[in-house]
């Protein structure tokens, strides 16, 4: 069983990995801007800086909500917050259409974390673009979540699938599978579960997360 400290380290490694490219682009853009005198090239440098800054900000907002304590001090988080960060990431990735089917205005924080991480896994699978459908509803004391990625050449590492099922040992976990392992542990602690189904042109990720007793009804 992986320790909380090791899991936190792996999640930090994932955050650093995801931020390295846009932050590096910011650094390169500033260097180019300092040495460039041509007005047209300076304008292109500024565009690069703006795009890199937006991607960095979008990723930080995602990590804060998906792994951190964002969403206020209450037990629920507005669905709109999750929609904003996922739509931003999809926009940064380009060529991905996002569709939402949400029956609720708010969801418990654990459900939001699971939803965001499943959506991120689905986004990562759409390496050549495609469509991401995300749905969530309350049903008989549970929150049921589905994220479906549809597109050409779905890219999905089965190791992530094993992590979602809680099948990876401590020695097998990496920064790539840490998020999947985290939500698998979270779902298990709450008495719920995760599942996935992979086809050539689609990846379906699902979760059932019991609501805290004080929030049912």
N, C-alpha and C. Protein backbone atom coordinates (compact mmCIF):
# COMPACT_ATOMS: atom_id res chain seq x y z
N UNK A 1 0.85 -1.20 0.00
CA UNK A 1 0.00 0.00 0.00
C UNK A 1 0.88 1.24 0.00
N UNK A 2 0.64 2.14 -0.94
CA UNK A 2 1.44 3.34 -1.03
C UNK A 2 1.09 4.31 0.10
N UNK A 3 2.10 4.97 0.64
CA UNK A 3 1.86 5.92 1.73
C UNK A 3 1.31 7.23 1.16
N UNK A 4 0.65 8.00 2.02
CA UNK A 4 0.13 9.28 1.60
C UNK A 4 1.25 10.22 1.16
N UNK A 5 2.39 10.12 1.82
CA UNK A 5 3.53 10.96 1.44
C UNK A 5 4.01 10.64 0.04
N UNK A 6 4.13 9.33 -0.27
CA UNK A 6 4.58 8.92 -1.61
C UNK A 6 3.56 9.33 -2.67
N UNK A 7 2.27 9.20 -2.35
CA UNK A 7 1.24 9.60 -3.31
C UNK A 7 1.30 11.10 -3.55
N UNK A 8 1.47 11.88 -2.50
CA UNK A 8 1.58 13.33 -2.65
C UNK A 8 2.78 13.69 -3.52
N UNK A 9 3.89 12.96 -3.33
CA UNK A 9 5.09 13.22 -4.13
C UNK A 9 4.84 12.94 -5.61
N UNK A 10 4.14 11.84 -5.89
CA UNK A 10 3.84 11.50 -7.28
C UNK A 10 2.90 12.52 -7.91
N UNK A 11 1.91 12.99 -7.14
CA UNK A 11 0.99 14.00 -7.67
C UNK A 11 1.73 15.32 -7.93
N UNK A 12 2.66 15.66 -7.06
CA UNK A 12 3.47 16.86 -7.28
C UNK A 12 4.32 16.71 -8.54
N UNK A 13 4.84 15.51 -8.76
CA UNK A 13 5.63 15.25 -9.96
C UNK A 13 4.76 15.42 -11.21
N UNK A 14 3.51 14.96 -11.12
CA UNK A 14 2.59 15.11 -12.24
C UNK A 14 2.33 16.59 -12.51
N UNK A 15 2.10 17.36 -11.47
CA UNK A 15 1.85 18.79 -11.63
C UNK A 15 3.06 19.47 -12.30
N UNK A 16 4.26 19.16 -11.80
CA UNK A 16 5.47 19.76 -12.36
C UNK A 16 5.64 19.37 -13.84
N UNK A 17 5.37 18.11 -14.15
CA UNK A 17 5.49 17.64 -15.53
C UNK A 17 4.54 18.40 -16.45
N UNK A 18 3.29 18.58 -16.01
CA UNK A 18 2.29 19.23 -16.84
C UNK A 18 2.56 20.72 -17.01
N UNK A 19 3.21 21.32 -16.01
CA UNK A 19 3.48 22.76 -16.08
C UNK A 19 4.81 23.08 -16.76
N UNK A 20 5.67 22.08 -16.92
CA UNK A 20 7.01 22.32 -17.45
C UNK A 20 6.96 22.93 -18.85
N UNK A 21 6.11 22.39 -19.72
CA UNK A 21 6.06 22.88 -21.09
C UNK A 21 5.56 24.33 -21.20
N UNK A 22 4.38 24.67 -20.63
CA UNK A 22 3.93 26.06 -20.76
C UNK A 22 4.81 27.06 -20.02
N UNK A 23 5.35 26.69 -18.87
CA UNK A 23 6.24 27.60 -18.14
C UNK A 23 7.55 27.76 -18.91
N UNK A 24 8.04 26.68 -19.49
CA UNK A 24 9.24 26.77 -20.33
C UNK A 24 9.02 27.67 -21.53
N UNK A 25 7.82 27.58 -22.11
CA UNK A 25 7.49 28.45 -23.24
C UNK A 25 7.45 29.91 -22.82
N UNK A 26 6.97 30.17 -21.60
CA UNK A 26 6.99 31.53 -21.07
C UNK A 26 8.42 32.04 -20.98
N UNK A 27 9.31 31.23 -20.45
CA UNK A 27 10.71 31.62 -20.30
C UNK A 27 11.34 31.89 -21.67
N UNK A 28 11.09 30.99 -22.63
CA UNK A 28 11.64 31.18 -23.97
C UNK A 28 11.09 32.43 -24.63
N UNK A 29 9.79 32.66 -24.44
CA UNK A 29 9.17 33.84 -25.03
C UNK A 29 9.75 35.13 -24.48
N UNK A 30 10.03 35.16 -23.19
CA UNK A 30 10.62 36.36 -22.58
C UNK A 30 12.03 36.60 -23.11
N UNK A 31 12.80 35.52 -23.29
CA UNK A 31 14.14 35.65 -23.84
C UNK A 31 14.10 36.20 -25.27
N UNK A 32 13.18 35.66 -26.07
CA UNK A 32 13.05 36.14 -27.45
C UNK A 32 12.61 37.60 -27.49
N UNK A 33 11.68 37.95 -26.61
CA UNK A 33 11.17 39.32 -26.58
C UNK A 33 12.27 40.30 -26.22
N UNK A 34 13.16 39.91 -25.31
CA UNK A 34 14.24 40.80 -24.88
C UNK A 34 15.24 41.06 -26.00
N UNK A 35 15.41 40.08 -26.89
CA UNK A 35 16.43 40.20 -27.95
C UNK A 35 15.86 40.63 -29.30
N UNK A 36 14.54 40.72 -29.41
CA UNK A 36 13.91 40.96 -30.70
C UNK A 36 13.52 42.44 -30.87
N UNK A 37 13.87 43.00 -32.02
CA UNK A 37 13.55 44.40 -32.31
C UNK A 37 12.49 44.54 -33.39
N UNK A 38 12.29 43.48 -34.18
CA UNK A 38 11.31 43.55 -35.25
C UNK A 38 9.90 43.59 -34.67
N UNK A 39 9.08 44.59 -35.01
CA UNK A 39 7.73 44.73 -34.42
C UNK A 39 6.85 43.50 -34.64
N UNK A 40 6.92 42.91 -35.83
CA UNK A 40 6.09 41.74 -36.12
C UNK A 40 6.51 40.55 -35.26
N UNK A 41 7.81 40.35 -35.12
CA UNK A 41 8.29 39.24 -34.30
C UNK A 41 7.99 39.47 -32.82
N UNK A 42 8.07 40.73 -32.38
CA UNK A 42 7.74 41.02 -30.99
C UNK A 42 6.26 40.74 -30.70
N UNK A 43 5.42 41.03 -31.70
CA UNK A 43 4.00 40.74 -31.54
C UNK A 43 3.77 39.23 -31.43
N UNK A 44 4.50 38.44 -32.21
CA UNK A 44 4.37 36.99 -32.13
C UNK A 44 4.87 36.47 -30.79
N UNK A 45 5.92 37.11 -30.26
CA UNK A 45 6.43 36.72 -28.93
C UNK A 45 5.38 36.98 -27.86
N UNK A 46 4.71 38.12 -27.97
CA UNK A 46 3.67 38.45 -26.99
C UNK A 46 2.52 37.45 -27.08
N UNK A 47 2.16 37.05 -28.30
CA UNK A 47 1.09 36.05 -28.47
C UNK A 47 1.50 34.72 -27.83
N UNK A 48 2.78 34.35 -27.98
CA UNK A 48 3.28 33.13 -27.36
C UNK A 48 3.19 33.22 -25.84
N UNK A 49 3.57 34.37 -25.31
CA UNK A 49 3.52 34.57 -23.86
C UNK A 49 2.09 34.49 -23.35
N UNK A 50 1.17 35.12 -24.07
CA UNK A 50 -0.23 35.10 -23.65
C UNK A 50 -0.80 33.68 -23.66
N UNK A 51 -0.49 32.92 -24.73
CA UNK A 51 -0.99 31.54 -24.83
C UNK A 51 -0.40 30.66 -23.73
N UNK A 52 0.90 30.81 -23.48
CA UNK A 52 1.55 30.00 -22.45
C UNK A 52 1.04 30.35 -21.06
N UNK A 53 0.81 31.64 -20.83
CA UNK A 53 0.29 32.06 -19.52
C UNK A 53 -1.11 31.50 -19.30
N UNK A 54 -1.94 31.49 -20.35
CA UNK A 54 -3.30 30.96 -20.23
C UNK A 54 -3.27 29.46 -19.92
N UNK A 55 -2.44 28.72 -20.63
CA UNK A 55 -2.36 27.28 -20.40
C UNK A 55 -1.88 26.98 -18.98
N UNK A 56 -0.87 27.73 -18.52
CA UNK A 56 -0.37 27.54 -17.15
C UNK A 56 -1.45 27.81 -16.13
N UNK A 57 -2.19 28.90 -16.33
CA UNK A 57 -3.27 29.25 -15.40
C UNK A 57 -4.36 28.20 -15.40
N UNK A 58 -4.74 27.72 -16.59
CA UNK A 58 -5.80 26.71 -16.69
C UNK A 58 -5.39 25.42 -15.98
N UNK A 59 -4.14 25.02 -16.15
CA UNK A 59 -3.68 23.79 -15.49
C UNK A 59 -3.64 23.95 -13.98
N UNK A 60 -3.21 25.11 -13.50
CA UNK A 60 -3.18 25.35 -12.06
C UNK A 60 -4.58 25.34 -11.46
N UNK A 61 -5.55 25.92 -12.17
CA UNK A 61 -6.94 25.90 -11.69
C UNK A 61 -7.45 24.47 -11.61
N UNK A 62 -7.09 23.66 -12.61
CA UNK A 62 -7.52 22.26 -12.59
C UNK A 62 -6.92 21.52 -11.40
N UNK A 63 -5.61 21.63 -11.23
CA UNK A 63 -4.95 20.92 -10.13
C UNK A 63 -5.49 21.36 -8.78
N UNK A 64 -5.77 22.66 -8.64
CA UNK A 64 -6.26 23.17 -7.36
C UNK A 64 -7.62 22.56 -7.00
N UNK A 65 -8.46 22.38 -8.02
CA UNK A 65 -9.79 21.84 -7.76
C UNK A 65 -9.79 20.31 -7.74
N UNK A 66 -8.96 19.70 -8.58
CA UNK A 66 -8.95 18.23 -8.69
C UNK A 66 -8.17 17.56 -7.56
N UNK A 67 -7.16 18.23 -7.04
CA UNK A 67 -6.32 17.63 -6.00
C UNK A 67 -6.30 18.41 -4.70
N UNK A 68 -6.60 19.70 -4.76
CA UNK A 68 -6.46 20.55 -3.59
C UNK A 68 -7.77 20.78 -2.86
N UNK A 69 -7.81 21.89 -2.12
CA UNK A 69 -8.97 22.21 -1.28
C UNK A 69 -9.79 23.35 -1.86
N UNK A 70 -9.74 23.53 -3.18
CA UNK A 70 -10.50 24.61 -3.81
C UNK A 70 -11.99 24.31 -3.75
N UNK A 71 -12.79 25.31 -4.03
CA UNK A 71 -14.23 25.14 -4.03
C UNK A 71 -14.91 25.67 -2.79
N UNK A 72 -14.14 26.39 -1.96
CA UNK A 72 -14.75 26.97 -0.76
C UNK A 72 -14.69 26.03 0.43
N UNK A 73 -15.35 26.42 1.51
CA UNK A 73 -15.29 25.66 2.75
C UNK A 73 -16.49 24.74 2.94
N UNK A 74 -17.45 24.78 2.04
CA UNK A 74 -18.63 23.93 2.17
C UNK A 74 -18.36 22.51 1.71
N UNK A 75 -19.40 21.68 1.79
CA UNK A 75 -19.27 20.28 1.40
C UNK A 75 -19.48 20.07 -0.09
N UNK A 76 -20.07 21.08 -0.77
CA UNK A 76 -20.39 20.95 -2.18
C UNK A 76 -19.63 21.97 -3.01
N UNK A 77 -19.49 21.66 -4.29
CA UNK A 77 -18.82 22.56 -5.23
C UNK A 77 -19.78 22.78 -6.41
N UNK A 78 -19.94 24.02 -6.86
CA UNK A 78 -20.79 24.27 -8.04
C UNK A 78 -20.26 23.54 -9.26
N UNK A 79 -21.16 22.91 -10.00
CA UNK A 79 -20.78 22.22 -11.24
C UNK A 79 -20.09 23.18 -12.19
N UNK A 80 -20.51 24.44 -12.17
CA UNK A 80 -19.95 25.44 -13.08
C UNK A 80 -18.43 25.55 -12.95
N UNK A 81 -17.90 25.39 -11.74
CA UNK A 81 -16.45 25.46 -11.55
C UNK A 81 -15.75 24.34 -12.28
N UNK A 82 -16.30 23.14 -12.18
CA UNK A 82 -15.71 21.99 -12.90
C UNK A 82 -15.82 22.19 -14.40
N UNK A 83 -16.95 22.69 -14.87
CA UNK A 83 -17.15 22.92 -16.29
C UNK A 83 -16.13 23.92 -16.83
N UNK A 84 -15.88 24.96 -16.08
CA UNK A 84 -14.95 26.00 -16.53
C UNK A 84 -13.54 25.45 -16.71
N UNK A 85 -13.05 24.68 -15.74
CA UNK A 85 -11.66 24.21 -15.85
C UNK A 85 -11.51 23.15 -16.95
N UNK A 86 -12.49 22.26 -17.09
CA UNK A 86 -12.39 21.24 -18.13
C UNK A 86 -12.54 21.86 -19.52
N UNK A 87 -13.47 22.79 -19.67
CA UNK A 87 -13.65 23.46 -20.96
C UNK A 87 -12.39 24.23 -21.35
N UNK A 88 -11.72 24.83 -20.36
CA UNK A 88 -10.48 25.55 -20.63
C UNK A 88 -9.39 24.60 -21.09
N UNK A 89 -9.23 23.46 -20.42
CA UNK A 89 -8.22 22.49 -20.81
C UNK A 89 -8.50 21.93 -22.20
N UNK A 90 -9.76 21.68 -22.49
CA UNK A 90 -10.13 21.16 -23.81
C UNK A 90 -9.84 22.20 -24.88
N UNK A 91 -10.10 23.47 -24.56
CA UNK A 91 -9.81 24.54 -25.49
C UNK A 91 -8.32 24.67 -25.76
N UNK A 92 -7.51 24.49 -24.72
CA UNK A 92 -6.05 24.55 -24.89
C UNK A 92 -5.57 23.38 -25.76
N UNK A 93 -6.22 22.22 -25.61
CA UNK A 93 -5.80 21.04 -26.37
C UNK A 93 -6.18 21.13 -27.85
N UNK A 94 -7.19 21.94 -28.18
CA UNK A 94 -7.67 22.14 -29.55
C UNK A 94 -8.39 20.88 -30.07
N UNK A 95 -9.26 21.09 -31.02
CA UNK A 95 -9.95 20.02 -31.76
C UNK A 95 -10.70 19.04 -30.86
N UNK A 96 -11.14 19.52 -29.69
CA UNK A 96 -11.93 18.66 -28.82
C UNK A 96 -13.24 19.37 -28.48
N UNK A 97 -14.35 18.71 -28.77
CA UNK A 97 -15.68 19.23 -28.46
C UNK A 97 -16.13 18.65 -27.12
N UNK A 98 -16.58 19.51 -26.23
CA UNK A 98 -17.02 19.08 -24.91
C UNK A 98 -18.52 19.25 -24.79
N UNK A 99 -19.20 18.20 -24.34
CA UNK A 99 -20.65 18.24 -24.13
C UNK A 99 -20.95 17.82 -22.69
N UNK A 100 -21.85 18.56 -22.06
CA UNK A 100 -22.18 18.31 -20.66
C UNK A 100 -23.62 17.85 -20.53
N UNK A 101 -23.83 16.86 -19.68
CA UNK A 101 -25.19 16.40 -19.34
C UNK A 101 -25.24 16.32 -17.82
N UNK A 102 -25.50 17.45 -17.20
CA UNK A 102 -25.45 17.55 -15.74
C UNK A 102 -26.86 17.77 -15.20
N UNK A 103 -27.29 16.86 -14.34
CA UNK A 103 -28.63 16.98 -13.75
C UNK A 103 -28.61 17.79 -12.46
N UNK A 104 -27.42 18.21 -12.01
CA UNK A 104 -27.28 18.90 -10.73
C UNK A 104 -26.57 20.23 -10.91
N UNK A 105 -26.79 21.14 -9.96
CA UNK A 105 -26.06 22.41 -9.94
C UNK A 105 -24.81 22.34 -9.08
N UNK A 106 -24.82 21.45 -8.10
CA UNK A 106 -23.66 21.24 -7.23
C UNK A 106 -23.46 19.75 -7.00
N UNK A 107 -22.23 19.39 -6.64
CA UNK A 107 -21.91 18.01 -6.28
C UNK A 107 -20.99 18.02 -5.06
N UNK A 108 -21.00 16.94 -4.28
CA UNK A 108 -20.05 16.85 -3.16
C UNK A 108 -18.61 16.96 -3.66
N UNK A 109 -17.74 17.50 -2.83
CA UNK A 109 -16.34 17.68 -3.23
C UNK A 109 -15.68 16.39 -3.73
N UNK A 110 -15.88 15.25 -3.05
CA UNK A 110 -15.24 14.02 -3.56
C UNK A 110 -15.71 13.68 -4.97
N UNK A 111 -16.99 13.88 -5.25
CA UNK A 111 -17.52 13.58 -6.58
C UNK A 111 -16.92 14.52 -7.62
N UNK A 112 -16.73 15.79 -7.25
CA UNK A 112 -16.11 16.74 -8.17
C UNK A 112 -14.68 16.33 -8.49
N UNK A 113 -13.94 15.89 -7.49
CA UNK A 113 -12.56 15.46 -7.72
C UNK A 113 -12.53 14.25 -8.66
N UNK A 114 -13.43 13.31 -8.45
CA UNK A 114 -13.49 12.14 -9.33
C UNK A 114 -13.87 12.56 -10.74
N UNK A 115 -14.89 13.41 -10.86
CA UNK A 115 -15.34 13.87 -12.18
C UNK A 115 -14.20 14.54 -12.93
N UNK A 116 -13.48 15.45 -12.27
CA UNK A 116 -12.40 16.18 -12.93
C UNK A 116 -11.29 15.25 -13.38
N UNK A 117 -10.93 14.30 -12.54
CA UNK A 117 -9.84 13.41 -12.91
C UNK A 117 -10.24 12.44 -14.02
N UNK A 118 -11.47 11.96 -14.00
CA UNK A 118 -11.94 11.13 -15.11
C UNK A 118 -11.98 11.92 -16.41
N UNK A 119 -12.43 13.17 -16.32
CA UNK A 119 -12.47 14.03 -17.51
C UNK A 119 -11.07 14.27 -18.06
N UNK A 120 -10.10 14.47 -17.16
CA UNK A 120 -8.72 14.68 -17.60
C UNK A 120 -8.15 13.44 -18.27
N UNK A 121 -8.43 12.27 -17.72
CA UNK A 121 -7.97 11.03 -18.34
C UNK A 121 -8.58 10.88 -19.73
N UNK A 122 -9.87 11.20 -19.85
CA UNK A 122 -10.54 11.12 -21.14
C UNK A 122 -9.95 12.12 -22.13
N UNK A 123 -9.65 13.33 -21.66
CA UNK A 123 -9.03 14.34 -22.53
C UNK A 123 -7.68 13.86 -23.04
N UNK A 124 -6.89 13.29 -22.15
CA UNK A 124 -5.56 12.81 -22.54
C UNK A 124 -5.65 11.72 -23.60
N UNK A 125 -6.77 10.98 -23.63
CA UNK A 125 -6.94 9.91 -24.61
C UNK A 125 -7.22 10.44 -26.02
N UNK A 126 -7.67 11.70 -26.10
CA UNK A 126 -8.04 12.28 -27.41
C UNK A 126 -6.85 12.99 -28.03
N UNK A 127 -5.82 12.24 -28.34
CA UNK A 127 -4.58 12.83 -28.86
C UNK A 127 -4.77 13.41 -30.25
N UNK A 128 -5.77 12.94 -30.99
CA UNK A 128 -6.04 13.47 -32.33
C UNK A 128 -7.37 14.21 -32.39
N UNK A 129 -7.81 14.68 -31.24
CA UNK A 129 -9.07 15.40 -31.20
C UNK A 129 -10.25 14.45 -31.10
N UNK A 130 -11.43 15.03 -30.96
CA UNK A 130 -12.62 14.22 -30.86
C UNK A 130 -13.66 14.88 -29.97
N UNK A 131 -14.41 14.08 -29.29
CA UNK A 131 -15.53 14.57 -28.49
C UNK A 131 -15.45 14.00 -27.08
N UNK A 132 -15.71 14.88 -26.11
CA UNK A 132 -15.74 14.48 -24.71
C UNK A 132 -17.13 14.76 -24.16
N UNK A 133 -17.81 13.71 -23.73
CA UNK A 133 -19.13 13.83 -23.12
C UNK A 133 -19.01 13.54 -21.62
N UNK A 134 -19.53 14.44 -20.80
CA UNK A 134 -19.44 14.29 -19.35
C UNK A 134 -20.84 14.41 -18.76
N UNK A 135 -21.19 13.45 -17.93
CA UNK A 135 -22.51 13.49 -17.29
C UNK A 135 -22.41 13.12 -15.82
N UNK A 136 -23.35 13.66 -15.05
CA UNK A 136 -23.41 13.31 -13.61
C UNK A 136 -24.82 13.54 -13.11
N UNK A 137 -25.27 12.64 -12.22
CA UNK A 137 -26.58 12.80 -11.60
C UNK A 137 -26.61 12.08 -10.26
N UNK A 138 -27.51 12.56 -9.41
CA UNK A 138 -27.75 11.89 -8.13
C UNK A 138 -28.82 10.82 -8.34
N UNK A 139 -28.56 9.64 -7.79
CA UNK A 139 -29.51 8.55 -7.95
C UNK A 139 -29.43 7.63 -6.74
N UNK A 140 -30.49 7.59 -5.96
CA UNK A 140 -30.61 6.69 -4.81
C UNK A 140 -29.44 6.82 -3.84
N UNK A 141 -29.11 8.04 -3.49
CA UNK A 141 -28.06 8.27 -2.51
C UNK A 141 -26.65 8.22 -3.06
N UNK A 142 -26.50 8.04 -4.37
CA UNK A 142 -25.18 8.01 -5.01
C UNK A 142 -25.07 9.13 -6.03
N UNK A 143 -23.85 9.50 -6.34
CA UNK A 143 -23.57 10.35 -7.50
C UNK A 143 -22.95 9.46 -8.57
N UNK A 144 -23.61 9.38 -9.72
CA UNK A 144 -23.11 8.57 -10.83
C UNK A 144 -22.48 9.50 -11.86
N UNK A 145 -21.27 9.18 -12.26
CA UNK A 145 -20.47 10.03 -13.16
C UNK A 145 -20.03 9.22 -14.36
N UNK A 146 -20.10 9.83 -15.53
CA UNK A 146 -19.62 9.19 -16.75
C UNK A 146 -18.82 10.21 -17.56
N UNK A 147 -17.65 9.80 -18.05
CA UNK A 147 -16.86 10.60 -18.99
C UNK A 147 -16.55 9.71 -20.19
N UNK A 148 -16.98 10.15 -21.36
CA UNK A 148 -16.79 9.34 -22.57
C UNK A 148 -15.98 10.13 -23.59
N UNK A 149 -14.86 9.55 -24.01
CA UNK A 149 -14.02 10.14 -25.05
C UNK A 149 -14.24 9.38 -26.34
N UNK A 150 -14.58 10.09 -27.41
CA UNK A 150 -14.82 9.47 -28.71
C UNK A 150 -13.97 10.17 -29.75
N UNK A 151 -13.22 9.41 -30.50
CA UNK A 151 -12.38 10.02 -31.54
C UNK A 151 -11.49 8.98 -32.18
N UNK A 152 -10.71 9.39 -33.18
CA UNK A 152 -9.81 8.47 -33.87
C UNK A 152 -8.59 8.13 -33.02
N UNK A 153 -8.18 6.87 -33.04
CA UNK A 153 -6.95 6.44 -32.38
C UNK A 153 -6.94 6.81 -30.90
N UNK A 154 -7.89 6.33 -30.14
CA UNK A 154 -7.92 6.58 -28.70
C UNK A 154 -6.61 6.09 -28.08
N UNK A 155 -5.97 6.97 -27.29
CA UNK A 155 -4.71 6.63 -26.65
C UNK A 155 -4.94 6.45 -25.15
N UNK A 156 -4.92 5.21 -24.70
CA UNK A 156 -5.19 4.94 -23.29
C UNK A 156 -4.27 3.85 -22.80
N UNK A 157 -3.51 4.18 -21.79
CA UNK A 157 -2.58 3.22 -21.18
C UNK A 157 -3.37 2.32 -20.23
N UNK A 158 -3.34 1.04 -20.49
CA UNK A 158 -4.08 0.10 -19.66
C UNK A 158 -3.60 0.12 -18.21
N UNK A 159 -2.37 0.62 -17.98
CA UNK A 159 -1.89 0.74 -16.60
C UNK A 159 -2.74 1.74 -15.83
N UNK A 160 -3.20 2.78 -16.50
CA UNK A 160 -4.11 3.74 -15.86
C UNK A 160 -5.43 3.04 -15.53
N UNK A 161 -5.87 2.17 -16.42
CA UNK A 161 -7.07 1.39 -16.14
C UNK A 161 -6.91 0.52 -14.91
N UNK A 162 -5.75 -0.11 -14.78
CA UNK A 162 -5.48 -0.93 -13.59
C UNK A 162 -5.45 -0.07 -12.33
N UNK A 163 -4.91 1.15 -12.46
CA UNK A 163 -4.90 2.06 -11.31
C UNK A 163 -6.32 2.43 -10.91
N UNK A 164 -7.19 2.65 -11.90
CA UNK A 164 -8.59 2.97 -11.61
C UNK A 164 -9.27 1.83 -10.87
N UNK A 165 -8.85 0.62 -11.16
CA UNK A 165 -9.42 -0.55 -10.50
C UNK A 165 -8.74 -0.85 -9.17
N UNK A 166 -7.74 -0.05 -8.81
CA UNK A 166 -7.02 -0.29 -7.55
C UNK A 166 -6.12 -1.49 -7.59
N UNK A 167 -5.63 -1.83 -8.77
CA UNK A 167 -4.85 -3.06 -8.94
C UNK A 167 -3.35 -2.85 -8.95
N UNK A 168 -2.88 -1.60 -8.88
CA UNK A 168 -1.44 -1.35 -8.93
C UNK A 168 -0.84 -1.38 -7.52
N UNK A 169 0.30 -2.01 -7.42
CA UNK A 169 1.03 -2.00 -6.16
C UNK A 169 1.83 -0.73 -6.02
N UNK A 170 2.36 -0.50 -4.82
CA UNK A 170 3.11 0.74 -4.55
C UNK A 170 4.30 0.89 -5.50
N UNK A 171 4.97 -0.22 -5.81
CA UNK A 171 6.13 -0.14 -6.68
C UNK A 171 5.80 0.12 -8.14
N UNK A 172 4.53 -0.04 -8.51
CA UNK A 172 4.13 0.15 -9.90
C UNK A 172 3.62 1.56 -10.19
N UNK A 173 3.30 2.30 -9.16
CA UNK A 173 2.73 3.62 -9.36
C UNK A 173 3.76 4.61 -9.88
N UNK A 174 3.32 5.49 -10.78
CA UNK A 174 4.15 6.56 -11.33
C UNK A 174 3.35 7.85 -11.30
N UNK A 175 3.98 8.95 -11.71
CA UNK A 175 3.26 10.22 -11.76
C UNK A 175 2.11 10.17 -12.76
N UNK A 176 2.20 9.31 -13.77
CA UNK A 176 1.13 9.20 -14.77
C UNK A 176 -0.10 8.50 -14.20
N UNK A 177 0.12 7.57 -13.26
CA UNK A 177 -1.00 6.78 -12.74
C UNK A 177 -1.45 7.24 -11.35
N UNK A 178 -0.75 8.22 -10.79
CA UNK A 178 -1.05 8.64 -9.41
C UNK A 178 -2.45 9.20 -9.26
N UNK A 179 -2.90 9.99 -10.23
CA UNK A 179 -4.24 10.59 -10.13
C UNK A 179 -5.32 9.52 -10.18
N UNK A 180 -5.15 8.54 -11.07
CA UNK A 180 -6.12 7.45 -11.16
C UNK A 180 -6.15 6.65 -9.86
N UNK A 181 -4.98 6.40 -9.29
CA UNK A 181 -4.90 5.69 -8.01
C UNK A 181 -5.57 6.49 -6.91
N UNK A 182 -5.35 7.82 -6.90
CA UNK A 182 -5.93 8.67 -5.86
C UNK A 182 -7.45 8.58 -5.85
N UNK A 183 -8.08 8.69 -7.03
CA UNK A 183 -9.55 8.66 -7.05
C UNK A 183 -10.08 7.25 -6.81
N UNK A 184 -9.27 6.22 -7.14
CA UNK A 184 -9.68 4.85 -6.81
C UNK A 184 -9.73 4.66 -5.30
N UNK A 185 -8.71 5.19 -4.61
CA UNK A 185 -8.68 5.10 -3.15
C UNK A 185 -9.83 5.92 -2.56
N UNK A 186 -10.06 7.11 -3.11
CA UNK A 186 -11.14 7.97 -2.63
C UNK A 186 -12.49 7.28 -2.78
N UNK A 187 -12.73 6.68 -3.96
CA UNK A 187 -13.99 5.99 -4.19
C UNK A 187 -14.17 4.81 -3.24
N UNK A 188 -13.10 4.06 -3.03
CA UNK A 188 -13.17 2.89 -2.14
C UNK A 188 -13.46 3.33 -0.70
N UNK A 189 -12.80 4.40 -0.25
CA UNK A 189 -13.02 4.89 1.12
C UNK A 189 -14.46 5.31 1.34
N UNK A 190 -15.12 5.80 0.29
CA UNK A 190 -16.50 6.25 0.40
C UNK A 190 -17.51 5.13 0.16
N UNK A 191 -17.01 3.94 -0.19
CA UNK A 191 -17.90 2.82 -0.46
C UNK A 191 -18.40 2.77 -1.89
N UNK A 192 -17.70 3.46 -2.79
CA UNK A 192 -18.08 3.47 -4.20
C UNK A 192 -17.08 2.72 -5.04
N UNK A 193 -17.07 3.02 -6.34
CA UNK A 193 -16.16 2.32 -7.23
C UNK A 193 -16.04 3.00 -8.57
N UNK A 194 -15.02 2.59 -9.32
CA UNK A 194 -14.74 3.12 -10.66
C UNK A 194 -14.73 1.97 -11.66
N UNK A 195 -14.96 2.31 -12.90
CA UNK A 195 -14.86 1.31 -13.95
C UNK A 195 -14.52 1.99 -15.27
N UNK A 196 -14.05 1.21 -16.23
CA UNK A 196 -13.77 1.77 -17.56
C UNK A 196 -14.00 0.71 -18.63
N UNK A 197 -14.23 1.21 -19.83
CA UNK A 197 -14.38 0.31 -20.99
C UNK A 197 -13.70 0.97 -22.18
N UNK A 198 -12.85 0.21 -22.87
CA UNK A 198 -12.05 0.75 -23.97
C UNK A 198 -12.40 0.05 -25.27
N UNK A 199 -12.61 0.85 -26.32
CA UNK A 199 -12.80 0.35 -27.67
C UNK A 199 -11.84 1.12 -28.59
N UNK A 200 -11.81 0.76 -29.88
CA UNK A 200 -10.88 1.42 -30.79
C UNK A 200 -11.15 2.91 -30.90
N UNK A 201 -12.42 3.30 -30.84
CA UNK A 201 -12.75 4.71 -31.07
C UNK A 201 -13.44 5.36 -29.87
N UNK A 202 -13.43 4.69 -28.72
CA UNK A 202 -14.10 5.27 -27.56
C UNK A 202 -13.51 4.74 -26.26
N UNK A 203 -13.50 5.62 -25.26
CA UNK A 203 -13.11 5.26 -23.91
C UNK A 203 -14.21 5.76 -22.98
N UNK A 204 -14.79 4.86 -22.20
CA UNK A 204 -15.85 5.24 -21.27
C UNK A 204 -15.35 5.01 -19.85
N UNK A 205 -15.41 6.05 -19.05
CA UNK A 205 -14.99 6.00 -17.66
C UNK A 205 -16.19 6.30 -16.78
N UNK A 206 -16.39 5.50 -15.74
CA UNK A 206 -17.55 5.69 -14.89
C UNK A 206 -17.22 5.60 -13.42
N UNK A 207 -18.07 6.19 -12.61
CA UNK A 207 -17.87 6.15 -11.17
C UNK A 207 -19.22 6.20 -10.47
N UNK A 208 -19.29 5.52 -9.34
CA UNK A 208 -20.43 5.63 -8.43
C UNK A 208 -19.86 6.05 -7.08
N UNK A 209 -20.26 7.24 -6.63
CA UNK A 209 -19.73 7.81 -5.39
C UNK A 209 -20.88 8.05 -4.42
N UNK A 210 -20.97 7.30 -3.32
CA UNK A 210 -22.03 7.54 -2.34
C UNK A 210 -21.93 8.96 -1.77
N UNK A 211 -23.07 9.57 -1.58
CA UNK A 211 -23.10 10.89 -0.97
C UNK A 211 -22.92 10.80 0.54
N UNK A 212 -22.29 11.81 1.14
CA UNK A 212 -22.24 11.85 2.61
C UNK A 212 -23.65 11.85 3.17
N UNK A 213 -23.86 11.17 4.29
CA UNK A 213 -25.21 10.99 4.82
C UNK A 213 -25.93 12.30 5.05
N UNK A 214 -25.22 13.31 5.49
CA UNK A 214 -25.86 14.59 5.76
C UNK A 214 -26.33 15.32 4.53
N UNK A 215 -25.91 14.86 3.33
CA UNK A 215 -26.28 15.55 2.10
C UNK A 215 -27.35 14.81 1.33
N UNK A 216 -27.72 13.62 1.76
CA UNK A 216 -28.72 12.85 1.04
C UNK A 216 -30.10 13.43 1.32
N UNK A 217 -30.86 13.52 0.26
CA UNK A 217 -32.23 13.99 0.41
C UNK A 217 -32.35 15.45 0.31
